[in-house]
Amino acid sequence: MLQYCYISSARPGQPVDVDEILATSRRNNQQAGLSGLLIFDGRRFLQVLEGEGAAVRSTVERIQADPRHRAIVKLSERRIEAREFGDWAMACNRVADAGDSRNLASTVDALTEGVADANTRALFRSFARIDRAA
């Protein structure tokens, strides 16, 4: 099984409908046997995908071609024995949904509880704690 993690920026001037992205992602990911977590803060996407290597790579190629993304940076790609981010077709949290950074941080902490890789877990937890007011 492959785990792929990336960060990207929303393309300026492109409307981002996260609900539409999630509906499409969940449908496609379920068909491909993928799971993962997506966090969107209004400017950046942080996502991890897990599943069979070919399905993950195909999905990453589709994301790279998506005009809503720019500056896509792979943060990690590694083999895993079992899913670390649960069996969700795509769990998601938007910073705006969390209300404040404490709610987002505790939500992300819970979603990443089972992540064995300390670096991946720290990445998501740090992202959730960025002071967006600055």
Protein backbone atom coordinates (compact mmCIF):
# COMPACT_ATOMS: atom_id res chain seq x y z
CA MET A 1 0.00 0.00 0.00
CA LEU A 2 1.22 3.53 -0.80
CA GLN A 3 0.78 6.74 1.19
CA TYR A 4 1.30 10.03 -0.67
CA CYS A 5 1.18 13.44 1.02
CA TYR A 6 1.29 16.83 -0.70
CA ILE A 7 0.54 20.49 -0.16
CA SER A 8 -0.70 22.86 -2.84
CA SER A 9 -2.06 26.36 -3.16
CA ALA A 10 -5.44 27.31 -4.53
CA ARG A 11 -5.01 29.17 -7.80
CA PRO A 12 -5.84 32.87 -7.30
CA GLY A 13 -9.02 33.90 -9.06
CA GLN A 14 -10.28 30.31 -9.27
CA PRO A 15 -13.35 29.70 -7.12
CA VAL A 16 -12.87 26.73 -4.80
CA ASP A 17 -16.02 24.79 -4.00
CA VAL A 18 -14.75 22.40 -1.35
CA ASP A 19 -18.11 20.63 -1.11
CA GLU A 20 -17.95 19.82 -4.85
CA ILE A 21 -14.30 18.73 -4.55
CA LEU A 22 -15.21 16.44 -1.65
CA ALA A 23 -18.21 14.90 -3.40
CA THR A 24 -16.11 14.11 -6.46
CA SER A 25 -13.13 12.94 -4.40
CA ARG A 26 -15.22 10.66 -2.23
CA ARG A 27 -16.89 9.08 -5.25
CA ASN A 28 -13.63 8.62 -7.17
CA ASN A 29 -11.66 7.47 -4.12
CA GLN A 30 -14.24 4.89 -3.15
CA GLN A 31 -14.15 3.43 -6.67
CA ALA A 32 -10.32 3.40 -6.62
CA GLY A 33 -10.06 2.00 -3.09
CA LEU A 34 -8.37 5.14 -1.77
CA SER A 35 -8.71 6.83 1.58
CA GLY A 36 -7.17 9.89 3.12
CA LEU A 37 -7.50 13.26 4.73
CA LEU A 38 -7.84 16.74 3.21
CA ILE A 39 -7.45 20.01 5.08
CA PHE A 40 -8.22 23.30 3.31
CA ASP A 41 -7.50 26.65 4.95
CA GLY A 42 -8.93 28.87 2.23
CA ARG A 43 -5.57 29.17 0.47
CA ARG A 44 -3.79 25.84 0.79
CA PHE A 45 -4.68 22.17 0.53
CA LEU A 46 -2.86 19.60 2.65
CA GLN A 47 -3.80 16.08 1.64
CA VAL A 48 -2.75 12.49 2.19
CA LEU A 49 -3.91 9.66 -0.05
CA GLU A 50 -3.60 5.96 0.79
CA GLY A 51 -4.21 2.90 -1.33
CA GLU A 52 -2.70 0.69 -3.99
CA GLY A 53 0.23 2.37 -5.74
CA ALA A 54 -1.27 2.62 -9.23
CA ALA A 55 -4.52 4.13 -7.92
CA VAL A 56 -2.66 6.68 -5.77
CA ARG A 57 -0.39 7.70 -8.65
CA SER A 58 -3.33 8.04 -11.04
CA THR A 59 -5.15 10.26 -8.56
CA VAL A 60 -2.05 12.40 -8.00
CA GLU A 61 -1.74 12.89 -11.78
CA ARG A 62 -5.39 14.00 -11.92
CA ILE A 63 -4.80 16.47 -9.05
CA GLN A 64 -1.69 17.85 -10.76
CA ALA A 65 -3.77 18.55 -13.89
CA ASP A 66 -6.55 20.24 -11.89
CA PRO A 67 -6.51 24.00 -12.64
CA ARG A 68 -7.63 24.83 -9.09
CA HIS A 69 -4.20 23.79 -7.76
CA ARG A 70 -0.79 25.37 -8.21
CA ALA A 71 2.57 24.95 -6.52
CA ILE A 72 1.98 21.30 -5.74
CA VAL A 73 4.76 20.00 -3.51
CA LYS A 74 5.14 16.33 -2.61
CA LEU A 75 5.88 16.10 1.10
CA SER A 76 6.19 12.35 1.40
CA GLU A 77 5.64 9.12 -0.48
CA ARG A 78 6.11 5.86 1.39
CA ARG A 79 5.01 2.28 1.61
CA ILE A 80 2.70 1.43 4.50
CA GLU A 81 1.43 -1.89 5.80
CA ALA A 82 -2.05 -0.64 6.69
CA ARG A 83 -4.10 2.53 6.31
CA GLU A 84 -3.11 5.14 8.85
CA PHE A 85 -5.81 7.71 8.10
CA GLY A 86 -8.81 5.42 8.47
CA ASP A 87 -11.12 3.92 5.91
CA TRP A 88 -12.87 7.15 4.91
CA ALA A 89 -13.24 7.79 1.19
CA MET A 90 -11.91 11.25 2.15
CA ALA A 91 -12.07 12.86 5.56
CA CYS A 92 -11.99 16.62 5.36
CA ASN A 93 -11.73 19.64 7.55
CA ARG A 94 -11.88 23.23 6.49
CA VAL A 95 -10.33 25.75 8.82
CA ALA A 96 -13.46 27.88 8.59
CA ASP A 97 -15.60 24.91 9.72
CA ALA A 98 -13.56 24.49 12.88
CA GLY A 99 -14.46 27.93 14.23
CA ASP A 100 -11.12 28.59 15.86
CA SER A 101 -7.65 27.10 15.81
CA ARG A 102 -8.22 25.11 19.02
CA ASN A 103 -11.18 23.28 17.44
CA LEU A 104 -9.23 22.59 14.26
CA ALA A 105 -6.19 21.42 16.20
CA SER A 106 -8.19 19.00 18.34
CA THR A 107 -10.09 17.70 15.29
CA VAL A 108 -6.86 17.07 13.37
CA ASP A 109 -5.29 15.51 16.47
CA ALA A 110 -8.15 13.01 16.61
CA LEU A 111 -8.04 12.31 12.85
CA THR A 112 -4.29 11.63 12.97
CA GLU A 113 -4.27 9.58 16.17
CA GLY A 114 -3.58 6.32 14.35
CA VAL A 115 -0.84 7.67 12.08
CA ALA A 116 2.29 5.66 12.82
CA ASP A 117 4.74 7.96 11.04
CA ALA A 118 5.65 10.75 13.47
CA ASN A 119 6.67 13.14 10.66
CA THR A 120 3.36 12.80 8.83
CA ARG A 121 1.39 13.15 12.06
CA ALA A 122 3.41 16.26 13.03
CA LEU A 123 2.93 17.78 9.58
CA PHE A 124 -0.86 17.67 9.79
CA ARG A 125 -0.93 18.78 13.41
CA SER A 126 1.39 21.72 12.70
CA PHE A 127 -0.67 22.78 9.67
CA ALA A 128 -3.76 22.83 11.89
CA ARG A 129 -2.03 25.16 14.33
CA ILE A 130 -0.77 27.81 11.90
CA ASP A 131 -1.88 31.26 12.99
CA ARG A 132 -3.90 32.39 9.99
CA ALA A 133 -4.63 35.78 11.53
CA ALA A 134 -1.00 36.80 11.10
